PDB file of N, CA and C in Angstrom:
ATOM      1  N   MET A   1       0.854  -1.166   0.000  1.00  0.00           N
ATOM      2  CA  MET A   1       0.000   0.000   0.000  1.00  0.00           C
ATOM      3  C   MET A   1       0.903   1.234   0.000  1.00  0.00           C
ATOM      4  N   TYR A   2       0.782   2.027  -1.023  1.00  0.00           N
ATOM      5  CA  TYR A   2       1.569   3.251  -1.142  1.00  0.00           C
ATOM      6  C   TYR A   2       0.936   4.332  -0.290  1.00  0.00           C
ATOM      7  N   LEU A   3       1.722   4.944   0.566  1.00  0.00           N
ATOM      8  CA  LEU A   3       1.214   6.007   1.429  1.00  0.00           C
ATOM      9  C   LEU A   3       1.596   7.359   0.844  1.00  0.00           C
ATOM     10  N   ASN A   4       0.616   8.103   0.439  1.00  0.00           N
ATOM     11  CA  ASN A   4       0.841   9.433  -0.096  1.00  0.00           C
ATOM     12  C   ASN A   4       0.521  10.461   0.987  1.00  0.00           C
ATOM     13  N   LEU A   5       1.342  10.469   2.023  1.00  0.00           N
ATOM     14  CA  LEU A   5       1.112  11.383   3.138  1.00  0.00           C
ATOM     15  C   LEU A   5       1.456  12.810   2.732  1.00  0.00           C
ATOM     16  N   GLN A   6       0.562  13.701   3.048  1.00  0.00           N
ATOM     17  CA  GLN A   6       0.751  15.106   2.711  1.00  0.00           C
ATOM     18  C   GLN A   6       1.463  15.824   3.858  1.00  0.00           C
ATOM     19  N   LYS A   7       2.270  16.810   3.494  1.00  0.00           N
ATOM     20  CA  LYS A   7       2.949  17.625   4.503  1.00  0.00           C
ATOM     21  C   LYS A   7       2.375  19.032   4.501  1.00  0.00           C
ATOM     22  N   ASN A   8       2.452  19.657   5.669  1.00  0.00           N
ATOM     23  CA  ASN A   8       2.054  21.054   5.802  1.00  0.00           C
ATOM     24  C   ASN A   8       3.194  21.945   5.311  1.00  0.00           C
ATOM     25  N   ASN A   9       2.933  23.221   5.210  1.00  0.00           N
ATOM     26  CA  ASN A   9       3.947  24.177   4.749  1.00  0.00           C
ATOM     27  C   ASN A   9       5.189  24.190   5.627  1.00  0.00           C
ATOM     28  N   ASP A  10       5.014  23.879   6.915  1.00  0.00           N
ATOM     29  CA  ASP A  10       6.160  23.879   7.831  1.00  0.00           C
ATOM     30  C   ASP A  10       6.933  22.561   7.813  1.00  0.00           C
ATOM     31  N   GLY A  11       6.519  21.627   6.978  1.00  0.00           N
ATOM     32  CA  GLY A  11       7.213  20.343   6.861  1.00  0.00           C
ATOM     33  C   GLY A  11       6.664  19.249   7.747  1.00  0.00           C
ATOM     34  N   SER A  12       5.718  19.572   8.634  1.00  0.00           N
ATOM     35  CA  SER A  12       5.116  18.554   9.499  1.00  0.00           C
ATOM     36  C   SER A  12       4.076  17.761   8.706  1.00  0.00           C
ATOM     37  N   TRP A  13       3.781  16.569   9.175  1.00  0.00           N
ATOM     38  CA  TRP A  13       2.800  15.729   8.498  1.00  0.00           C
ATOM     39  C   TRP A  13       1.401  16.297   8.694  1.00  0.00           C
ATOM     40  N   ASN A  14       0.611  16.260   7.658  1.00  0.00           N
ATOM     41  CA  ASN A  14      -0.765  16.716   7.705  1.00  0.00           C
ATOM     42  C   ASN A  14      -1.587  15.732   8.524  1.00  0.00           C
ATOM     43  N   GLU A  15      -2.248  16.228   9.569  1.00  0.00           N
ATOM     44  CA  GLU A  15      -2.964  15.364  10.512  1.00  0.00           C
ATOM     45  C   GLU A  15      -4.046  14.526   9.836  1.00  0.00           C
ATOM     46  N   SER A  16      -4.835  15.124   8.968  1.00  0.00           N
ATOM     47  CA  SER A  16      -5.916  14.355   8.332  1.00  0.00           C
ATOM     48  C   SER A  16      -5.361  13.281   7.413  1.00  0.00           C
ATOM     49  N   SER A  17      -4.228  13.545   6.798  1.00  0.00           N
ATOM     50  CA  SER A  17      -3.586  12.560   5.935  1.00  0.00           C
ATOM     51  C   SER A  17      -3.103  11.360   6.758  1.00  0.00           C
ATOM     52  N   VAL A  18      -2.459  11.644   7.872  1.00  0.00           N
ATOM     53  CA  VAL A  18      -1.963  10.576   8.751  1.00  0.00           C
ATOM     54  C   VAL A  18      -3.136   9.773   9.310  1.00  0.00           C
ATOM     55  N   THR A  19      -4.170  10.463   9.773  1.00  0.00           N
ATOM     56  CA  THR A  19      -5.354   9.797  10.330  1.00  0.00           C
ATOM     57  C   THR A  19      -6.012   8.891   9.295  1.00  0.00           C
ATOM     58  N   HIS A  20      -6.123   9.364   8.075  1.00  0.00           N
ATOM     59  CA  HIS A  20      -6.737   8.574   6.996  1.00  0.00           C
ATOM     60  C   HIS A  20      -5.956   7.278   6.761  1.00  0.00           C
ATOM     61  N   TYR A  21      -4.651   7.388   6.602  1.00  0.00           N
ATOM     62  CA  TYR A  21      -3.857   6.200   6.325  1.00  0.00           C
ATOM     63  C   TYR A  21      -3.735   5.272   7.537  1.00  0.00           C
ATOM     64  N   ALA A  22      -3.699   5.843   8.723  1.00  0.00           N
ATOM     65  CA  ALA A  22      -3.672   5.012   9.927  1.00  0.00           C
ATOM     66  C   ALA A  22      -4.956   4.201  10.023  1.00  0.00           C
ATOM     67  N   SER A  23      -6.079   4.833   9.709  1.00  0.00           N
ATOM     68  CA  SER A  23      -7.367   4.133   9.719  1.00  0.00           C
ATOM     69  C   SER A  23      -7.371   2.983   8.726  1.00  0.00           C
ATOM     70  N   ARG A  24      -6.827   3.206   7.548  1.00  0.00           N
ATOM     71  CA  ARG A  24      -6.759   2.139   6.537  1.00  0.00           C
ATOM     72  C   ARG A  24      -5.893   0.974   7.015  1.00  0.00           C
ATOM     73  N   ILE A  25      -4.773   1.303   7.612  1.00  0.00           N
ATOM     74  CA  ILE A  25      -3.861   0.260   8.100  1.00  0.00           C
ATOM     75  C   ILE A  25      -4.500  -0.508   9.254  1.00  0.00           C
ATOM     76  N   LEU A  26      -5.111   0.196  10.191  1.00  0.00           N
ATOM     77  CA  LEU A  26      -5.743  -0.453  11.339  1.00  0.00           C
ATOM     78  C   LEU A  26      -6.886  -1.367  10.892  1.00  0.00           C
ATOM     79  N   THR A  27      -7.636  -0.949   9.906  1.00  0.00           N
ATOM     80  CA  THR A  27      -8.710  -1.795   9.367  1.00  0.00           C
ATOM     81  C   THR A  27      -8.111  -3.034   8.709  1.00  0.00           C
ATOM     82  N   LYS A  28      -7.035  -2.839   7.962  1.00  0.00           N
ATOM     83  CA  LYS A  28      -6.389  -3.950   7.254  1.00  0.00           C
ATOM     84  C   LYS A  28      -5.833  -5.006   8.214  1.00  0.00           C
ATOM     85  N   ILE A  29      -5.362  -4.582   9.393  1.00  0.00           N
ATOM     86  CA  ILE A  29      -4.804  -5.539  10.353  1.00  0.00           C
ATOM     87  C   ILE A  29      -5.854  -6.090  11.312  1.00  0.00           C
ATOM     88  N   GLY A  30      -7.119  -5.711  11.096  1.00  0.00           N
ATOM     89  CA  GLY A  30      -8.195  -6.291  11.900  1.00  0.00           C
ATOM     90  C   GLY A  30      -8.617  -5.479  13.103  1.00  0.00           C
ATOM     91  N   ALA A  31      -8.306  -4.193  13.115  1.00  0.00           N
ATOM     92  CA  ALA A  31      -8.715  -3.324  14.216  1.00  0.00           C
ATOM     93  C   ALA A  31      -9.466  -2.120  13.648  1.00  0.00           C
ATOM     94  N   PRO A  32     -10.607  -2.382  13.011  1.00  0.00           N
ATOM     95  CA  PRO A  32     -11.303  -1.300  12.306  1.00  0.00           C
ATOM     96  C   PRO A  32     -11.829  -0.178  13.197  1.00  0.00           C
ATOM     97  N   GLY A  33     -12.067  -0.422  14.453  1.00  0.00           N
ATOM     98  CA  GLY A  33     -12.582   0.623  15.339  1.00  0.00           C
ATOM     99  C   GLY A  33     -11.490   1.455  15.985  1.00  0.00           C
ATOM    100  N   ALA A  34     -10.238   1.034  15.814  1.00  0.00           N
ATOM    101  CA  ALA A  34      -9.128   1.743  16.447  1.00  0.00           C
ATOM    102  C   ALA A  34      -8.824   3.037  15.706  1.00  0.00           C
ATOM    103  N   THR A  35      -8.280   3.996  16.443  1.00  0.00           N
ATOM    104  CA  THR A  35      -7.903   5.291  15.873  1.00  0.00           C
ATOM    105  C   THR A  35      -6.477   5.621  16.311  1.00  0.00           C
ATOM    106  N   THR A  36      -5.958   6.715  15.801  1.00  0.00           N
ATOM    107  CA  THR A  36      -4.640   7.146  16.254  1.00  0.00           C
ATOM    108  C   THR A  36      -4.673   7.481  17.746  1.00  0.00           C
ATOM    109  N   HIS A  37      -5.821   7.964  18.217  1.00  0.00           N
ATOM    110  CA  HIS A  37      -5.965   8.243  19.654  1.00  0.00           C
ATOM    111  C   HIS A  37      -5.919   6.937  20.454  1.00  0.00           C
ATOM    112  N   THR A  38      -6.503   5.872  19.915  1.00  0.00           N
ATOM    113  CA  THR A  38      -6.451   4.562  20.567  1.00  0.00           C
ATOM    114  C   THR A  38      -4.998   4.126  20.726  1.00  0.00           C
ATOM    115  N   LEU A  39      -4.204   4.316  19.686  1.00  0.00           N
ATOM    116  CA  LEU A  39      -2.790   3.942  19.741  1.00  0.00           C
ATOM    117  C   LEU A  39      -2.051   4.775  20.789  1.00  0.00           C
ATOM    118  N   ARG A  40      -2.344   6.056  20.855  1.00  0.00           N
ATOM    119  CA  ARG A  40      -1.722   6.953  21.832  1.00  0.00           C
ATOM    120  C   ARG A  40      -2.066   6.521  23.255  1.00  0.00           C
ATOM    121  N   HIS A  41      -3.346   6.221  23.484  1.00  0.00           N
ATOM    122  CA  HIS A  41      -3.796   5.805  24.805  1.00  0.00           C
ATOM    123  C   HIS A  41      -3.167   4.464  25.194  1.00  0.00           C
ATOM    124  N   THR A  42      -3.084   3.546  24.249  1.00  0.00           N
ATOM    125  CA  THR A  42      -2.468   2.246  24.505  1.00  0.00           C
ATOM    126  C   THR A  42      -0.992   2.405  24.839  1.00  0.00           C
ATOM    127  N   PHE A  43      -0.314   3.274  24.104  1.00  0.00           N
ATOM    128  CA  PHE A  43       1.099   3.566  24.343  1.00  0.00           C
ATOM    129  C   PHE A  43       1.311   4.022  25.786  1.00  0.00           C
ATOM    130  N   ALA A  44       0.527   4.999  26.217  1.00  0.00           N
ATOM    131  CA  ALA A  44       0.645   5.525  27.581  1.00  0.00           C
ATOM    132  C   ALA A  44       0.290   4.468  28.619  1.00  0.00           C
ATOM    133  N   SER A  45      -0.783   3.729  28.379  1.00  0.00           N
ATOM    134  CA  SER A  45      -1.227   2.702  29.327  1.00  0.00           C
ATOM    135  C   SER A  45      -0.170   1.624  29.509  1.00  0.00           C
ATOM    136  N   GLN A  46       0.427   1.179  28.410  1.00  0.00           N
ATOM    137  CA  GLN A  46       1.449   0.139  28.488  1.00  0.00           C
ATOM    138  C   GLN A  46       2.672   0.630  29.266  1.00  0.00           C
ATOM    139  N   LEU A  47       3.076   1.865  29.025  1.00  0.00           N
ATOM    140  CA  LEU A  47       4.220   2.409  29.762  1.00  0.00           C
ATOM    141  C   LEU A  47       3.940   2.477  31.255  1.00  0.00           C
ATOM    142  N   LEU A  48       2.770   2.986  31.625  1.00  0.00           N
ATOM    143  CA  LEU A  48       2.425   3.110  33.044  1.00  0.00           C
ATOM    144  C   LEU A  48       2.277   1.745  33.700  1.00  0.00           C
ATOM    145  N   ASN A  49       1.679   0.798  33.001  1.00  0.00           N
ATOM    146  CA  ASN A  49       1.549  -0.561  33.545  1.00  0.00           C
ATOM    147  C   ASN A  49       2.904  -1.212  33.744  1.00  0.00           C
ATOM    148  N   ALA A  50       3.886  -0.814  32.937  1.00  0.00           N
ATOM    149  CA  ALA A  50       5.231  -1.369  33.063  1.00  0.00           C
ATOM    150  C   ALA A  50       6.043  -0.663  34.142  1.00  0.00           C
ATOM    151  N   GLY A  51       5.459   0.393  34.746  1.00  0.00           N
ATOM    152  CA  GLY A  51       6.138   1.088  35.833  1.00  0.00           C
ATOM    153  C   GLY A  51       6.891   2.344  35.432  1.00  0.00           C
ATOM    154  N   ALA A  52       6.670   2.841  34.231  1.00  0.00           N
ATOM    155  CA  ALA A  52       7.334   4.080  33.808  1.00  0.00           C
ATOM    156  C   ALA A  52       6.871   5.235  34.697  1.00  0.00           C
ATOM    157  N   PRO A  53       7.761   6.150  35.006  1.00  0.00           N
ATOM    158  CA  PRO A  53       7.370   7.304  35.831  1.00  0.00           C
ATOM    159  C   PRO A  53       6.302   8.145  35.118  1.00  0.00           C
ATOM    160  N   VAL A  54       5.331   8.605  35.877  1.00  0.00           N
ATOM    161  CA  VAL A  54       4.232   9.384  35.314  1.00  0.00           C
ATOM    162  C   VAL A  54       4.752  10.638  34.615  1.00  0.00           C
ATOM    163  N   TRP A  55       5.746  11.296  35.212  1.00  0.00           N
ATOM    164  CA  TRP A  55       6.241  12.533  34.610  1.00  0.00           C
ATOM    165  C   TRP A  55       6.883  12.266  33.260  1.00  0.00           C
ATOM    166  N   THR A  56       7.499  11.089  33.071  1.00  0.00           N
ATOM    167  CA  THR A  56       8.095  10.747  31.779  1.00  0.00           C
ATOM    168  C   THR A  56       7.010  10.524  30.735  1.00  0.00           C
ATOM    169  N   VAL A  57       5.978   9.779  31.107  1.00  0.00           N
ATOM    170  CA  VAL A  57       4.866   9.526  30.189  1.00  0.00           C
ATOM    171  C   VAL A  57       4.188  10.846  29.837  1.00  0.00           C
ATOM    172  N   SER A  58       4.025  11.710  30.800  1.00  0.00           N
ATOM    173  CA  SER A  58       3.416  13.012  30.572  1.00  0.00           C
ATOM    174  C   SER A  58       4.200  13.809  29.532  1.00  0.00           C
ATOM    175  N   ARG A  59       5.512  13.798  29.647  1.00  0.00           N
ATOM    176  CA  ARG A  59       6.356  14.518  28.684  1.00  0.00           C
ATOM    177  C   ARG A  59       6.281  13.885  27.307  1.00  0.00           C
ATOM    178  N   LEU A  60       6.291  12.558  27.246  1.00  0.00           N
ATOM    179  CA  LEU A  60       6.202  11.875  25.952  1.00  0.00           C
ATOM    180  C   LEU A  60       4.894  12.184  25.230  1.00  0.00           C
ATOM    181  N   LEU A  61       3.818  12.322  26.002  1.00  0.00           N
ATOM    182  CA  LEU A  61       2.516  12.618  25.416  1.00  0.00           C
ATOM    183  C   LEU A  61       2.349  14.101  25.088  1.00  0.00           C
ATOM    184  N   GLY A  62       3.228  14.922  25.626  1.00  0.00           N
ATOM    185  CA  GLY A  62       3.133  16.355  25.381  1.00  0.00           C
ATOM    186  C   GLY A  62       2.031  17.030  26.168  1.00  0.00           C
ATOM    187  N   HIS A  63       1.660  16.425  27.306  1.00  0.00           N
ATOM    188  CA  HIS A  63       0.632  17.034  28.141  1.00  0.00           C
ATOM    189  C   HIS A  63       1.133  18.348  28.723  1.00  0.00           C
ATOM    190  N   SER A  64       0.213  19.272  28.948  1.00  0.00           N
ATOM    191  CA  SER A  64       0.564  20.589  29.470  1.00  0.00           C
ATOM    192  C   SER A  64       1.076  20.519  30.905  1.00  0.00           C
ATOM    193  N   SER A  65       0.664  19.500  31.636  1.00  0.00           N
ATOM    194  CA  SER A  65       1.140  19.306  33.006  1.00  0.00           C
ATOM    195  C   SER A  65       0.995  17.838  33.375  1.00  0.00           C
ATOM    196  N   ILE A  66       1.692  17.445  34.424  1.00  0.00           N
ATOM    197  CA  ILE A  66       1.603  16.059  34.895  1.00  0.00           C
ATOM    198  C   ILE A  66       0.196  15.765  35.420  1.00  0.00           C
ATOM    199  N   THR A  67      -0.508  16.804  35.865  1.00  0.00           N
ATOM    200  CA  THR A  67      -1.869  16.632  36.380  1.00  0.00           C
ATOM    201  C   THR A  67      -2.800  16.084  35.305  1.00  0.00           C
ATOM    202  N   VAL A  68      -2.632  16.528  34.072  1.00  0.00           N
ATOM    203  CA  VAL A  68      -3.454  16.023  32.965  1.00  0.00           C
ATOM    204  C   VAL A  68      -3.252  14.512  32.836  1.00  0.00           C
ATOM    205  N   THR A  69      -2.008  14.077  32.882  1.00  0.00           N
ATOM    206  CA  THR A  69      -1.697  12.649  32.775  1.00  0.00           C
ATOM    207  C   THR A  69      -2.257  11.892  33.970  1.00  0.00           C
ATOM    208  N   GLU A  70      -2.063  12.434  35.158  1.00  0.00           N
ATOM    209  CA  GLU A  70      -2.563  11.772  36.369  1.00  0.00           C
ATOM    210  C   GLU A  70      -4.080  11.628  36.329  1.00  0.00           C
ATOM    211  N   ASN A  71      -4.773  12.667  35.912  1.00  0.00           N
ATOM    212  CA  ASN A  71      -6.235  12.608  35.867  1.00  0.00           C
ATOM    213  C   ASN A  71      -6.735  11.603  34.835  1.00  0.00           C
ATOM    214  N   THR A  72      -6.033  11.472  33.734  1.00  0.00           N
ATOM    215  CA  THR A  72      -6.452  10.571  32.664  1.00  0.00           C
ATOM    216  C   THR A  72      -6.109   9.115  32.969  1.00  0.00           C
ATOM    217  N   TYR A  73      -4.950   8.891  33.579  1.00  0.00           N
ATOM    218  CA  TYR A  73      -4.452   7.530  33.760  1.00  0.00           C
ATOM    219  C   TYR A  73      -4.305   7.119  35.223  1.00  0.00           C
ATOM    220  N   ALA A  74      -5.007   7.790  36.130  1.00  0.00           N
ATOM    221  CA  ALA A  74      -4.872   7.518  37.566  1.00  0.00           C
ATOM    222  C   ALA A  74      -5.086   6.050  37.903  1.00  0.00           C
ATOM    223  N   HIS A  75      -6.013   5.403  37.213  1.00  0.00           N
ATOM    224  CA  HIS A  75      -6.323   3.999  37.503  1.00  0.00           C
ATOM    225  C   HIS A  75      -5.176   3.067  37.131  1.00  0.00           C
ATOM    226  N   LEU A  76      -4.199   3.543  36.379  1.00  0.00           N
ATOM    227  CA  LEU A  76      -3.067   2.712  35.969  1.00  0.00           C
ATOM    228  C   LEU A  76      -1.785   3.022  36.720  1.00  0.00           C
ATOM    229  N   ILE A  77      -1.801   4.110  37.487  1.00  0.00           N
ATOM    230  CA  ILE A  77      -0.592   4.535  38.188  1.00  0.00           C
ATOM    231  C   ILE A  77      -0.476   3.745  39.485  1.00  0.00           C
ATOM    232  N   PRO A  78       0.590   2.948  39.618  1.00  0.00           N
ATOM    233  CA  PRO A  78       0.736   2.130  40.826  1.00  0.00           C
ATOM    234  C   PRO A  78       0.964   2.978  42.063  1.00  0.00           C
ATOM    235  N   ASP A  79       0.480   2.472  43.174  1.00  0.00           N
ATOM    236  CA  ASP A  79       0.673   3.140  44.456  1.00  0.00           C
ATOM    237  C   ASP A  79       1.963   2.598  45.073  1.00  0.00           C
ATOM    238  N   HIS A  80       2.976   3.425  45.115  1.00  0.00           N
ATOM    239  CA  HIS A  80       4.287   3.018  45.631  1.00  0.00           C
ATOM    240  C   HIS A  80       4.495   3.449  47.080  1.00  0.00           C
ATOM    241  N   THR A  81       3.406   3.756  47.780  1.00  0.00           N
ATOM    242  CA  THR A  81       3.514   4.278  49.137  1.00  0.00           C
ATOM    243  C   THR A  81       4.280   3.324  50.053  1.00  0.00           C
ATOM    244  N   LYS A  82       3.909   2.053  50.075  1.00  0.00           N
ATOM    245  CA  LYS A  82       4.581   1.091  50.963  1.00  0.00           C
ATOM    246  C   LYS A  82       6.057   0.965  50.596  1.00  0.00           C
ATOM    247  N   GLN A  83       6.348   0.925  49.309  1.00  0.00           N
ATOM    248  CA  GLN A  83       7.731   0.790  48.864  1.00  0.00           C
ATOM    249  C   GLN A  83       8.555   2.007  49.292  1.00  0.00           C
ATOM    250  N   VAL A  84       7.997   3.191  49.141  1.00  0.00           N
ATOM    251  CA  VAL A  84       8.710   4.413  49.540  1.00  0.00           C
ATOM    252  C   VAL A  84       8.875   4.472  51.042  1.00  0.00           C
ATOM    253  N   MET A  85       7.838   4.132  51.795  1.00  0.00           N
ATOM    254  CA  MET A  85       7.913   4.164  53.253  1.00  0.00           C
ATOM    255  C   MET A  85       8.935   3.159  53.781  1.00  0.00           C
ATOM    256  N   SER A  86       9.145   2.064  53.071  1.00  0.00           N
ATOM    257  CA  SER A  86      10.107   1.059  53.521  1.00  0.00           C
ATOM    258  C   SER A  86      11.552   1.555  53.402  1.00  0.00           C
ATOM    259  N   LEU A  87      11.759   2.672  52.763  1.00  0.00           N
ATOM    260  CA  LEU A  87      13.103   3.251  52.657  1.00  0.00           C
ATOM    261  C   LEU A  87      13.564   3.885  53.972  1.00  0.00           C
ATOM    262  N   LEU A  88      12.598   4.194  54.809  1.00  0.00           N
ATOM    263  CA  LEU A  88      12.942   4.806  56.096  1.00  0.00           C
ATOM    264  C   LEU A  88      13.542   3.760  57.029  1.00  0.00           C
ATOM    265  N   PRO A  89      14.518   4.153  57.856  1.00  0.00           N
ATOM    266  CA  PRO A  89      15.196   3.195  58.731  1.00  0.00           C
ATOM    267  C   PRO A  89      14.378   2.797  59.968  1.00  0.00           C
ATOM    268  N   TYR A  90      13.253   3.388  60.196  1.00  0.00           N
ATOM    269  CA  TYR A  90      12.453   3.082  61.400  1.00  0.00           C
ATOM    270  C   TYR A  90      11.090   2.575  61.032  1.00  0.00           C
TER     271      TYR A  90
END
């Protein structure tokens, strides 16, 4: 499948062009309901489930603040309270 992705004047990829071709590819591989946003969310979820620091995932996603990431993915962020408290000598 030849991808004729269009670029904007600044050299960045045209969003609608990328979305169109991503949709075609996702349908072809058997995930017709998936979107580029689905891939983004899966990317973040997998990183957090693997224990990646929230602030790193936040930066990778380009969120305006870590709070945006925390609010969106709070259910996936592990609670390290016991592990951190065990660092104390008492």
